[in-house]
């Protein structure tokens, strides 16, 4: 599906999240620690800012049209974001302490997959249908400013295809 330019960078982030979801789900036990450490770095470098961007850039504009406390997709998104914020520090600790990681990585992979699919296939479509063109332009402008401030120019527009 062709995503509106205002949501294209967030949608590209979802693709990267899906690549990570597969990597997490497929991680063998002998590579679990390295996979966990790499994912934590991905969280720190990209994904934490991504969820903050959705919450601080996208939702305030969408909220002009819907009650976020009654929108099931938004509630699911926010619950997932809270879940990820809780799990990543736990994963960091378990990895540092040499605890088994396979089950935690698989669960994280499943949850990340389902989350990215829900946002991209359902929530973003609803947002595109709801917001007026000038509001989508506002999302686009705010998103670019947020990315420059929190992630750098490399987070804007298409990125190289290498996914690690």
Foldseek 3Di string as FASTA:
>chain_A
DDAPLLCVLLLVVLVLLLVLLVCLQPDDQVCQLVSLVVVLVCCVQPVVLSLVLCVPQVVVLLCVFDPLVPDVLSVLLVVLSVVVVVLSVVSVVCSVVVHGCNVVSNVSSVSSNVNSCSCVVPVSVVSVVPDDPVSSVSSNVVSCVSCCVRNNPQSRDDHDPDND
